[in-house]
Protein backbone atom coordinates (compact mmCIF):
# COMPACT_ATOMS: atom_id res chain seq x y z
CA UNK A 1 21.14 -10.82 38.69
CA UNK A 2 18.69 -12.06 36.24
CA UNK A 3 19.13 -13.37 32.57
CA UNK A 4 21.40 -11.72 30.26
CA UNK A 5 19.95 -11.68 26.82
CA UNK A 6 21.81 -12.17 23.85
CA UNK A 7 19.09 -11.76 21.17
CA UNK A 8 15.57 -10.06 20.94
CA UNK A 9 14.09 -13.54 20.48
CA UNK A 10 15.58 -14.60 23.83
CA UNK A 11 14.23 -11.51 25.65
CA UNK A 12 10.74 -12.18 23.87
CA UNK A 13 10.58 -15.65 25.48
CA UNK A 14 10.55 -13.93 28.77
CA UNK A 15 7.84 -11.17 28.11
CA UNK A 16 4.86 -11.49 30.75
CA UNK A 17 1.95 -13.03 29.26
CA UNK A 18 -0.73 -10.12 29.00
CA UNK A 19 2.13 -8.12 27.08
CA UNK A 20 3.24 -10.66 24.44
CA UNK A 21 1.07 -9.77 21.70
CA UNK A 22 1.98 -5.86 21.93
CA UNK A 23 5.64 -6.60 22.35
CA UNK A 24 5.46 -8.50 19.10
CA UNK A 25 3.39 -5.66 17.49
CA UNK A 26 5.61 -3.09 18.50
CA UNK A 27 8.83 -4.83 17.39
CA UNK A 28 7.20 -5.09 14.06
CA UNK A 29 6.21 -1.56 14.02
CA UNK A 30 9.71 -0.60 14.70
CA UNK A 31 11.16 -3.02 12.26
CA UNK A 32 9.29 -1.79 9.37
CA UNK A 33 9.90 2.00 10.34
CA UNK A 34 13.65 1.28 10.27
CA UNK A 35 14.14 -1.55 7.79
CA UNK A 36 18.00 -0.55 7.84
CA UNK A 37 18.30 -1.10 11.49
CA UNK A 38 19.69 -4.20 13.39
CA UNK A 39 18.10 -5.59 16.16
CA UNK A 40 20.44 -5.56 19.39
CA UNK A 41 20.23 -6.24 23.10
CA UNK A 42 21.27 -3.24 24.95
CA UNK A 43 20.65 -2.19 28.67
CA UNK A 44 19.45 -5.91 28.68
CA UNK A 45 16.17 -5.06 26.64
CA UNK A 46 15.80 -4.94 22.65
CA UNK A 47 16.92 -2.21 20.83
CA UNK A 48 17.22 -1.12 17.01
CA UNK A 49 20.49 0.12 15.98
CA UNK A 50 21.56 2.26 12.98
CA UNK A 51 24.81 3.62 13.36
CA UNK A 52 23.48 4.32 17.13
CA UNK A 53 20.73 2.71 18.86
CA UNK A 54 17.54 4.57 17.64
CA UNK A 55 15.02 2.99 20.22
CA UNK A 56 14.44 0.47 22.80
CA UNK A 57 11.20 -1.44 24.00
CA UNK A 58 10.45 -3.97 26.72
CA UNK A 59 7.39 -5.74 27.84
CA UNK A 60 6.18 -5.49 31.55
CA UNK A 61 3.01 -6.88 33.04
CA UNK A 62 1.09 -3.85 32.74
CA UNK A 63 2.74 -1.69 29.72
CA UNK A 64 4.95 -1.73 26.83
CA UNK A 65 8.00 0.73 27.74
CA UNK A 66 9.24 2.49 24.46
CA UNK A 67 12.60 4.37 24.65
CA UNK A 68 13.24 6.84 22.02
CA UNK A 69 15.51 9.34 24.24
CA UNK A 70 14.95 12.73 25.73
CA UNK A 71 14.96 14.52 22.28
CA UNK A 72 12.15 12.59 20.76
CA UNK A 73 9.99 12.87 23.89
CA UNK A 74 10.57 16.72 23.94
CA UNK A 75 9.81 17.13 20.16
CA UNK A 76 6.62 14.84 20.33
CA UNK A 77 5.66 16.22 23.69
CA UNK A 78 2.22 17.36 22.21
CA UNK A 79 1.53 13.87 20.74
CA UNK A 80 2.57 12.11 23.81
CA UNK A 81 0.01 14.09 26.03
CA UNK A 82 -2.20 11.07 26.53
CA UNK A 83 0.78 8.70 27.45
CA UNK A 84 2.83 8.48 30.76
CA UNK A 85 6.12 9.54 29.81
CA UNK A 86 9.59 10.27 31.56
CA UNK A 87 12.74 11.74 30.56
CA UNK A 88 13.45 9.26 28.11
CA UNK A 89 10.60 6.83 28.22
CA UNK A 90 7.01 6.38 27.11
CA UNK A 91 4.40 3.69 28.58
CA UNK A 92 1.85 2.60 26.31
CA UNK A 93 -1.00 0.67 27.95
CA UNK A 94 -1.82 -2.69 27.10
CA UNK A 95 -5.73 -1.98 26.89
CA UNK A 96 -5.34 0.44 24.21
CA UNK A 97 -4.12 -0.12 20.44
CA UNK A 98 -0.36 0.85 20.19
CA UNK A 99 -0.05 4.27 18.15
CA UNK A 100 1.43 2.84 15.04
CA UNK A 101 1.80 6.37 13.38
CA UNK A 102 3.27 8.13 16.30
CA UNK A 103 5.63 5.28 16.99
CA UNK A 104 6.47 5.42 13.16
CA UNK A 105 7.11 9.22 13.32
CA UNK A 106 9.37 9.05 16.52
CA UNK A 107 11.38 6.09 14.81
CA UNK A 108 11.79 8.24 11.68
CA UNK A 109 12.84 11.15 13.63
CA UNK A 110 15.30 9.22 15.45
CA UNK A 111 16.88 8.01 12.17
CA UNK A 112 17.27 11.45 11.17
CA UNK A 113 18.58 12.44 14.69
CA UNK A 114 21.46 9.52 14.67
CA UNK A 115 22.32 10.45 11.03
CA UNK A 116 22.87 14.05 11.38
């Protein structure tokens, strides 16, 4: 199989070019929303962990994948109406600005959820 990443920086070095800037941006948004979380690699993609993993993200040629888990998708389903979602994933298009306040709300929700 492909590369096994040990750090987020290692992963970031392999993100496809059209996505690099957005991948950096989402990493920074999550970092600010969860300042106590540590960056880890989980499922071979970047994740932020505080007791448990809060969220994951990944960069692809056509979108950013943001993985906050099923409960967050359910809680924020109305806010996510404009995005492609699945059971535990949200796709953010590369041609639109990242929804900073929504990402913040989801990360803060996950911090609370994990703490309970």
